[in-house]
C-alpha atoms as a PDB file:
ATOM      1  CA  MET A   1      -8.843 -13.531  -3.971  1.00  0.00           C
ATOM      2  CA  ILE A   2     -10.983 -11.330  -1.762  1.00  0.00           C
ATOM      3  CA  ILE A   3     -10.249  -7.628  -2.307  1.00  0.00           C
ATOM      4  CA  GLU A   4     -12.056  -4.987  -0.254  1.00  0.00           C
ATOM      5  CA  THR A   5     -11.321  -1.266  -0.652  1.00  0.00           C
ATOM      6  CA  ARG A   6     -12.382   1.513   1.690  1.00  0.00           C
ATOM      7  CA  ALA A   7     -11.748   5.292   1.682  1.00  0.00           C
ATOM      8  CA  VAL A   8     -12.981   8.203   3.804  1.00  0.00           C
ATOM      9  CA  GLU A   9     -12.435  11.950   4.015  1.00  0.00           C
ATOM     10  CA  PRO A  10     -10.360  14.054   4.284  1.00  0.00           C
ATOM     11  CA  PHE A  11      -7.786  12.273   2.128  1.00  0.00           C
ATOM     12  CA  LEU A  12     -10.036   9.698   0.413  1.00  0.00           C
ATOM     13  CA  LYS A  13      -7.096   7.309   0.657  1.00  0.00           C
ATOM     14  CA  ASN A  14      -7.691   3.680  -0.309  1.00  0.00           C
ATOM     15  CA  GLY A  15      -7.057   1.067   2.350  1.00  0.00           C
ATOM     16  CA  TYR A  16      -7.261  -2.604   1.411  1.00  0.00           C
ATOM     17  CA  VAL A  17      -8.212  -5.944   2.893  1.00  0.00           C
ATOM     18  CA  LEU A  18      -7.038  -8.992   0.915  1.00  0.00           C
ATOM     19  CA  GLY A  19      -8.079 -12.507   1.752  1.00  0.00           C
ATOM     20  CA  CYS A  20      -7.757 -16.124   0.683  1.00  0.00           C
ATOM     21  CA  GLU A  21     -11.182 -17.599   0.005  1.00  0.00           C
ATOM     22  CA  ALA A  22     -10.068 -21.106   0.935  1.00  0.00           C
ATOM     23  CA  THR A  23      -8.187 -20.547   4.201  1.00  0.00           C
ATOM     24  CA  ARG A  24      -9.669 -17.187   5.316  1.00  0.00           C
ATOM     25  CA  GLU A  25      -6.187 -15.812   5.965  1.00  0.00           C
ATOM     26  CA  GLY A  26      -5.492 -12.272   4.811  1.00  0.00           C
ATOM     27  CA  VAL A  27      -3.493  -9.071   4.920  1.00  0.00           C
ATOM     28  CA  VAL A  28      -4.371  -5.422   5.431  1.00  0.00           C
ATOM     29  CA  ILE A  29      -2.626  -2.800   3.308  1.00  0.00           C
ATOM     30  CA  ASP A  30      -2.249   0.851   4.384  1.00  0.00           C
ATOM     31  CA  PRO A  31      -4.812   1.263   7.178  1.00  0.00           C
ATOM     32  CA  GLY A  32      -5.595   4.958   7.549  1.00  0.00           C
ATOM     33  CA  ASP A  33      -8.612   6.935   8.710  1.00  0.00           C
ATOM     34  CA  GLU A  34     -10.853   4.281   7.127  1.00  0.00           C
ATOM     35  CA  VAL A  35      -9.530   1.621   9.520  1.00  0.00           C
ATOM     36  CA  ASP A  36     -12.916   0.955  11.155  1.00  0.00           C
ATOM     37  CA  LEU A  37     -14.369   0.075   7.754  1.00  0.00           C
ATOM     38  CA  LEU A  38     -11.423  -2.193   7.005  1.00  0.00           C
ATOM     39  CA  LEU A  39     -11.868  -3.993  10.324  1.00  0.00           C
ATOM     40  CA  ARG A  40     -15.542  -4.467   9.552  1.00  0.00           C
ATOM     41  CA  ALA A  41     -14.620  -6.024   6.198  1.00  0.00           C
ATOM     42  CA  VAL A  42     -12.189  -8.364   7.958  1.00  0.00           C
ATOM     43  CA  GLU A  43     -14.968  -9.425  10.308  1.00  0.00           C
ATOM     44  CA  ASP A  44     -17.560  -9.778   7.556  1.00  0.00           C
ATOM     45  CA  HIS A  45     -15.286 -12.166   5.647  1.00  0.00           C
ATOM     46  CA  GLY A  46     -14.175 -14.046   8.752  1.00  0.00           C
ATOM     47  CA  LEU A  47     -10.508 -13.405   8.029  1.00  0.00           C
ATOM     48  CA  THR A  48      -7.451 -13.975  10.186  1.00  0.00           C
ATOM     49  CA  ILE A  49      -4.970 -11.236   9.270  1.00  0.00           C
ATOM     50  CA  ARG A  50      -1.361 -12.387   8.997  1.00  0.00           C
ATOM     51  CA  TYR A  51       0.289  -9.035   8.225  1.00  0.00           C
ATOM     52  CA  ILE A  52      -0.319  -5.301   8.036  1.00  0.00           C
ATOM     53  CA  LEU A  53       1.708  -4.159   5.033  1.00  0.00           C
ATOM     54  CA  LEU A  54       2.501  -0.481   4.438  1.00  0.00           C
ATOM     55  CA  THR A  55       3.341   0.831   0.969  1.00  0.00           C
ATOM     56  CA  HIS A  56       4.890   3.961   2.491  1.00  0.00           C
ATOM     57  CA  ALA A  57       4.678   6.119   5.598  1.00  0.00           C
ATOM     58  CA  HIS A  58       2.835   9.314   4.664  1.00  0.00           C
ATOM     59  CA  LEU A  59       0.272  10.046   7.357  1.00  0.00           C
ATOM     60  CA  ASP A  60      -2.856   9.179   5.361  1.00  0.00           C
ATOM     61  CA  HIS A  61      -1.516   5.643   4.883  1.00  0.00           C
ATOM     62  CA  VAL A  62      -0.634   4.965   8.522  1.00  0.00           C
ATOM     63  CA  THR A  63      -3.074   6.750  10.860  1.00  0.00           C
ATOM     64  CA  GLY A  64      -5.027   3.520  11.351  1.00  0.00           C
ATOM     65  CA  VAL A  65      -2.052   1.286  12.136  1.00  0.00           C
ATOM     66  CA  ALA A  66      -2.511   1.395  15.918  1.00  0.00           C
ATOM     67  CA  ASP A  67      -6.210   0.487  15.745  1.00  0.00           C
ATOM     68  CA  ALA A  68      -5.566  -2.244  13.180  1.00  0.00           C
ATOM     69  CA  LYS A  69      -2.744  -3.786  15.183  1.00  0.00           C
ATOM     70  CA  ASN A  70      -4.709  -3.633  18.446  1.00  0.00           C
ATOM     71  CA  ALA A  71      -7.714  -5.295  16.850  1.00  0.00           C
ATOM     72  CA  LEU A  72      -5.914  -7.873  14.719  1.00  0.00           C
ATOM     73  CA  GLY A  73      -2.673  -8.609  16.556  1.00  0.00           C
ATOM     74  CA  ALA A  74      -0.820  -8.711  13.229  1.00  0.00           C
ATOM     75  CA  PRO A  75       2.766  -7.487  12.733  1.00  0.00           C
ATOM     76  CA  VAL A  76       3.368  -4.276  10.786  1.00  0.00           C
ATOM     77  CA  GLY A  77       5.826  -4.145   7.876  1.00  0.00           C
ATOM     78  CA  LEU A  78       7.457  -1.117   6.234  1.00  0.00           C
ATOM     79  CA  HIS A  79      10.488  -0.321   4.099  1.00  0.00           C
ATOM     80  CA  ARG A  80      13.339   0.833   6.317  1.00  0.00           C
ATOM     81  CA  ALA A  81      13.900   4.004   4.263  1.00  0.00           C
ATOM     82  CA  ASP A  82      10.476   5.323   5.345  1.00  0.00           C
ATOM     83  CA  ASN A  83      10.856   4.630   9.053  1.00  0.00           C
ATOM     84  CA  LEU A  84      11.823   8.232   9.853  1.00  0.00           C
ATOM     85  CA  LEU A  85       8.646   9.458   8.136  1.00  0.00           C
ATOM     86  CA  TYR A  86       6.651   6.886  10.084  1.00  0.00           C
ATOM     87  CA  GLU A  87       8.142   7.976  13.392  1.00  0.00           C
ATOM     88  CA  GLN A  88       7.302  11.612  12.533  1.00  0.00           C
ATOM     89  CA  VAL A  89       3.614  11.044  11.781  1.00  0.00           C
ATOM     90  CA  VAL A  90       2.598  13.595  14.428  1.00  0.00           C
ATOM     91  CA  GLN A  91       4.747  16.241  12.747  1.00  0.00           C
ATOM     92  CA  GLN A  92       3.343  15.239   9.363  1.00  0.00           C
ATOM     93  CA  GLY A  93      -0.121  15.936  10.706  1.00  0.00           C
ATOM     94  CA  LEU A  94       0.892  19.411  11.844  1.00  0.00           C
ATOM     95  CA  MET A  95       1.924  20.214   8.259  1.00  0.00           C
ATOM     96  CA  PHE A  96      -1.735  19.719   7.281  1.00  0.00           C
ATOM     97  CA  GLY A  97      -3.182  21.309  10.402  1.00  0.00           C
ATOM     98  CA  LEU A  98      -4.248  17.919  11.761  1.00  0.00           C
ATOM     99  CA  ARG A  99      -3.850  16.318  15.166  1.00  0.00           C
ATOM    100  CA  VAL A 100      -2.447  12.828  14.562  1.00  0.00           C
ATOM    101  CA  GLN A 101      -1.676  10.227  17.211  1.00  0.00           C
ATOM    102  CA  PRO A 102       1.710   8.476  17.368  1.00  0.00           C
ATOM    103  CA  GLN A 103       1.636   4.972  15.917  1.00  0.00           C
ATOM    104  CA  PRO A 104       3.221   1.783  17.305  1.00  0.00           C
ATOM    105  CA  ALA A 105       6.721   0.853  16.230  1.00  0.00           C
ATOM    106  CA  VAL A 106       7.097  -1.153  13.050  1.00  0.00           C
ATOM    107  CA  ASP A 107       7.505  -4.889  13.718  1.00  0.00           C
ATOM    108  CA  PHE A 108       9.633  -5.728  10.682  1.00  0.00           C
ATOM    109  CA  PHE A 109      11.292  -4.084   7.722  1.00  0.00           C
ATOM    110  CA  TYR A 110      11.071  -5.618   4.277  1.00  0.00           C
ATOM    111  CA  ASP A 111      14.318  -7.583   4.158  1.00  0.00           C
ATOM    112  CA  GLY A 112      14.012  -8.577   0.526  1.00  0.00           C
ATOM    113  CA  GLN A 113      11.132  -9.195  -1.810  1.00  0.00           C
ATOM    114  CA  GLY A 114       9.369 -11.883   0.209  1.00  0.00           C
ATOM    115  CA  PRO A 115       7.019 -13.552  -0.125  1.00  0.00           C
ATOM    116  CA  TRP A 116       4.714 -12.830   2.792  1.00  0.00           C
ATOM    117  CA  GLU A 117       2.142 -15.596   2.607  1.00  0.00           C
ATOM    118  CA  PHE A 118      -1.548 -15.614   3.466  1.00  0.00           C
ATOM    119  CA  GLY A 119      -3.330 -18.854   2.724  1.00  0.00           C
ATOM    120  CA  ARG A 120      -2.883 -19.847  -0.903  1.00  0.00           C
ATOM    121  CA  HIS A 121      -1.669 -16.378  -1.843  1.00  0.00           C
ATOM    122  CA  GLU A 122       1.590 -14.533  -1.441  1.00  0.00           C
ATOM    123  CA  ALA A 123       2.662 -10.902  -1.414  1.00  0.00           C
ATOM    124  CA  TRP A 124       5.965  -9.807  -2.926  1.00  0.00           C
ATOM    125  CA  VAL A 125       7.392  -6.368  -2.122  1.00  0.00           C
ATOM    126  CA  TYR A 126       9.426  -4.246  -4.565  1.00  0.00           C
ATOM    127  CA  HIS A 127      11.092  -0.937  -3.727  1.00  0.00           C
ATOM    128  CA  THR A 128       9.579   1.913  -5.790  1.00  0.00           C
ATOM    129  CA  PRO A 129      10.976   5.166  -4.342  1.00  0.00           C
ATOM    130  CA  GLY A 130      10.202   8.622  -5.662  1.00  0.00           C
ATOM    131  CA  HIS A 131       6.974   9.569  -3.894  1.00  0.00           C
ATOM    132  CA  SER A 132       8.807   8.758  -0.670  1.00  0.00           C
ATOM    133  CA  PRO A 133      12.219   7.199  -0.012  1.00  0.00           C
ATOM    134  CA  GLY A 134      10.795   3.874   1.118  1.00  0.00           C
ATOM    135  CA  GLY A 135       7.796   3.528  -1.157  1.00  0.00           C
ATOM    136  CA  VAL A 136       7.042  -0.016  -2.301  1.00  0.00           C
ATOM    137  CA  CYS A 137       4.762  -1.918  -4.625  1.00  0.00           C
ATOM    138  CA  VAL A 138       3.032  -4.972  -3.170  1.00  0.00           C
ATOM    139  CA  ALA A 139       2.539  -7.599  -5.894  1.00  0.00           C
ATOM    140  CA  VAL A 140       0.015 -10.261  -4.870  1.00  0.00           C
ATOM    141  CA  GLY A 141      -0.744 -13.543  -6.554  1.00  0.00           C
ATOM    142  CA  ARG A 142      -1.773 -17.127  -6.033  1.00  0.00           C
ATOM    143  CA  LYS A 143       1.042 -19.548  -5.181  1.00  0.00           C
ATOM    144  CA  GLY A 144       2.341 -21.255  -8.315  1.00  0.00           C
ATOM    145  CA  ASN A 145       0.760 -18.657 -10.622  1.00  0.00           C
ATOM    146  CA  ALA A 146       2.785 -15.882 -12.257  1.00  0.00           C
ATOM    147  CA  ASP A 147      -0.155 -13.463 -12.494  1.00  0.00           C
ATOM    148  CA  ARG A 148      -0.002 -10.538 -10.071  1.00  0.00           C
ATOM    149  CA  THR A 149      -2.302  -7.814  -8.787  1.00  0.00           C
ATOM    150  CA  LEU A 150      -0.422  -4.654  -7.824  1.00  0.00           C
ATOM    151  CA  PHE A 151      -0.994  -2.418  -4.810  1.00  0.00           C
ATOM    152  CA  VAL A 152       1.210   0.566  -5.525  1.00  0.00           C
ATOM    153  CA  GLY A 153       0.455   3.147  -2.844  1.00  0.00           C
ATOM    154  CA  ASP A 154       0.914   6.643  -4.263  1.00  0.00           C
ATOM    155  CA  THR A 155       3.476   5.746  -6.925  1.00  0.00           C
ATOM    156  CA  LEU A 156       1.017   5.480  -9.826  1.00  0.00           C
ATOM    157  CA  PHE A 157      -2.623   6.499 -10.274  1.00  0.00           C
ATOM    158  CA  ALA A 158      -5.179   6.138 -13.025  1.00  0.00           C
ATOM    159  CA  GLY A 159      -4.085   8.947 -15.340  1.00  0.00           C
ATOM    160  CA  SER A 160      -1.563  10.440 -12.959  1.00  0.00           C
ATOM    161  CA  ILE A 161       1.497   9.802 -10.782  1.00  0.00           C
ATOM    162  CA  GLY A 162       2.402  10.457  -7.158  1.00  0.00           C
ATOM    163  CA  ARG A 163       3.381  13.916  -5.994  1.00  0.00           C
ATOM    164  CA  THR A 164       7.067  14.525  -5.400  1.00  0.00           C
ATOM    165  CA  ASP A 165       6.995  17.888  -3.600  1.00  0.00           C
ATOM    166  CA  LEU A 166       6.868  16.355  -0.110  1.00  0.00           C
ATOM    167  CA  PRO A 167      10.060  15.705   1.888  1.00  0.00           C
ATOM    168  CA  GLY A 168      11.971  12.795   0.358  1.00  0.00           C
ATOM    169  CA  GLY A 169      10.183  12.977  -2.984  1.00  0.00           C
ATOM    170  CA  ASP A 170      12.029  13.013  -6.297  1.00  0.00           C
ATOM    171  CA  HIS A 171      10.378  13.241  -9.706  1.00  0.00           C
ATOM    172  CA  ALA A 172      13.071  11.491 -11.747  1.00  0.00           C
ATOM    173  CA  THR A 173      13.294   8.664  -9.220  1.00  0.00           C
ATOM    174  CA  LEU A 174       9.509   8.201  -9.294  1.00  0.00           C
ATOM    175  CA  LEU A 175       9.422   7.954 -13.086  1.00  0.00           C
ATOM    176  CA  ALA A 176      12.264   5.421 -12.993  1.00  0.00           C
ATOM    177  CA  SER A 177      10.386   3.328 -10.433  1.00  0.00           C
ATOM    178  CA  ILE A 178       7.282   3.273 -12.594  1.00  0.00           C
ATOM    179  CA  ARG A 179       9.117   2.416 -15.801  1.00  0.00           C
ATOM    180  CA  ASN A 180      11.688  -0.003 -14.362  1.00  0.00           C
ATOM    181  CA  VAL A 181       9.475  -1.840 -11.855  1.00  0.00           C
ATOM    182  CA  LEU A 182       5.762  -1.372 -12.504  1.00  0.00           C
ATOM    183  CA  PHE A 183       5.934  -1.282 -16.303  1.00  0.00           C
ATOM    184  CA  GLN A 184       7.754  -4.622 -16.338  1.00  0.00           C
ATOM    185  CA  TYR A 185       4.439  -6.304 -15.530  1.00  0.00           C
ATOM    186  CA  PRO A 186       2.182  -7.437 -18.389  1.00  0.00           C
ATOM    187  CA  ASP A 187      -0.305  -4.918 -19.776  1.00  0.00           C
ATOM    188  CA  PRO A 188      -3.411  -6.676 -18.321  1.00  0.00           C
ATOM    189  CA  THR A 189      -2.025  -6.437 -14.766  1.00  0.00           C
ATOM    190  CA  VAL A 190      -4.518  -4.672 -12.487  1.00  0.00           C
ATOM    191  CA  VAL A 191      -3.171  -1.738 -10.459  1.00  0.00           C
ATOM    192  CA  HIS A 192      -4.799  -0.637  -7.184  1.00  0.00           C
ATOM    193  CA  SER A 193      -3.590   2.796  -6.106  1.00  0.00           C
ATOM    194  CA  GLY A 194      -3.594   4.754  -2.890  1.00  0.00           C
ATOM    195  CA  HIS A 195      -6.224   7.133  -4.251  1.00  0.00           C
ATOM    196  CA  GLY A 196      -8.855   6.851  -6.963  1.00  0.00           C
ATOM    197  CA  PRO A 197     -10.003   3.943  -9.131  1.00  0.00           C
ATOM    198  CA  ALA A 198      -8.116   0.863 -10.224  1.00  0.00           C
ATOM    199  CA  THR A 199      -6.378   0.821 -13.590  1.00  0.00           C
ATOM    200  CA  THR A 200      -4.096  -1.475 -15.580  1.00  0.00           C
ATOM    201  CA  ILE A 201      -0.457  -1.319 -16.566  1.00  0.00           C
ATOM    202  CA  GLY A 202      -1.374  -1.271 -20.251  1.00  0.00           C
ATOM    203  CA  ARG A 203      -3.828   1.600 -19.850  1.00  0.00           C
ATOM    204  CA  GLU A 204      -1.236   3.732 -18.069  1.00  0.00           C
ATOM    205  CA  LYS A 205       1.421   2.953 -20.669  1.00  0.00           C
ATOM    206  CA  ARG A 206      -0.949   4.108 -23.428  1.00  0.00           C
ATOM    207  CA  THR A 207      -2.766   7.059 -21.871  1.00  0.00           C
ATOM    208  CA  ASN A 208      -1.064   8.425 -18.742  1.00  0.00           C
ATOM    209  CA  PRO A 209       0.023  11.961 -19.732  1.00  0.00           C
ATOM    210  CA  PHE A 210       3.012  11.861 -17.359  1.00  0.00           C
ATOM    211  CA  LEU A 211       4.378   8.679 -18.930  1.00  0.00           C
ATOM    212  CA  ILE A 212       3.757   8.792 -22.681  1.00  0.00           C
END
């Protein structure tokens, strides 16, 4: 599977382009301020994007939605519990002293776990609240294969966990999401987070100071 990651200041938030090598279909996850770099990666790989999938609706994960949708024509998906946050992205920006543009309405809410297919791959969505009410994990794998690669937004980081001091955050709920959803995956499972480097489930079980 093609995996491209891009991040820019001020938030250094990871946005992702995933693609099927065989069919050149793909998805974009969490387009933010790095959206131009994500679109360039889509073009470089010759991908047709089927979906724009959002792990949650904090402003750094959604400020590129309008540009991505205009360029790609792909529908935007979000968990319903984060729609209020999404609709208030301008107000979120004001909290950080930033001018943020309104984003287009969400096209669909995750009405179950999926899958959302792109080529020979599929994305499954699991609710992982705590960082935000509608936070999700996107678990991606090849059709017919149980192995998954996780895209977890700001739920879990290499050596850390998501903040819970923003509106809608809850520390106990976040820990439960990590232990009851993410930690059910095998230890070798690769985890791509909203910020920072990739890690694995096993590494976080053994070394994450918030979880051991």
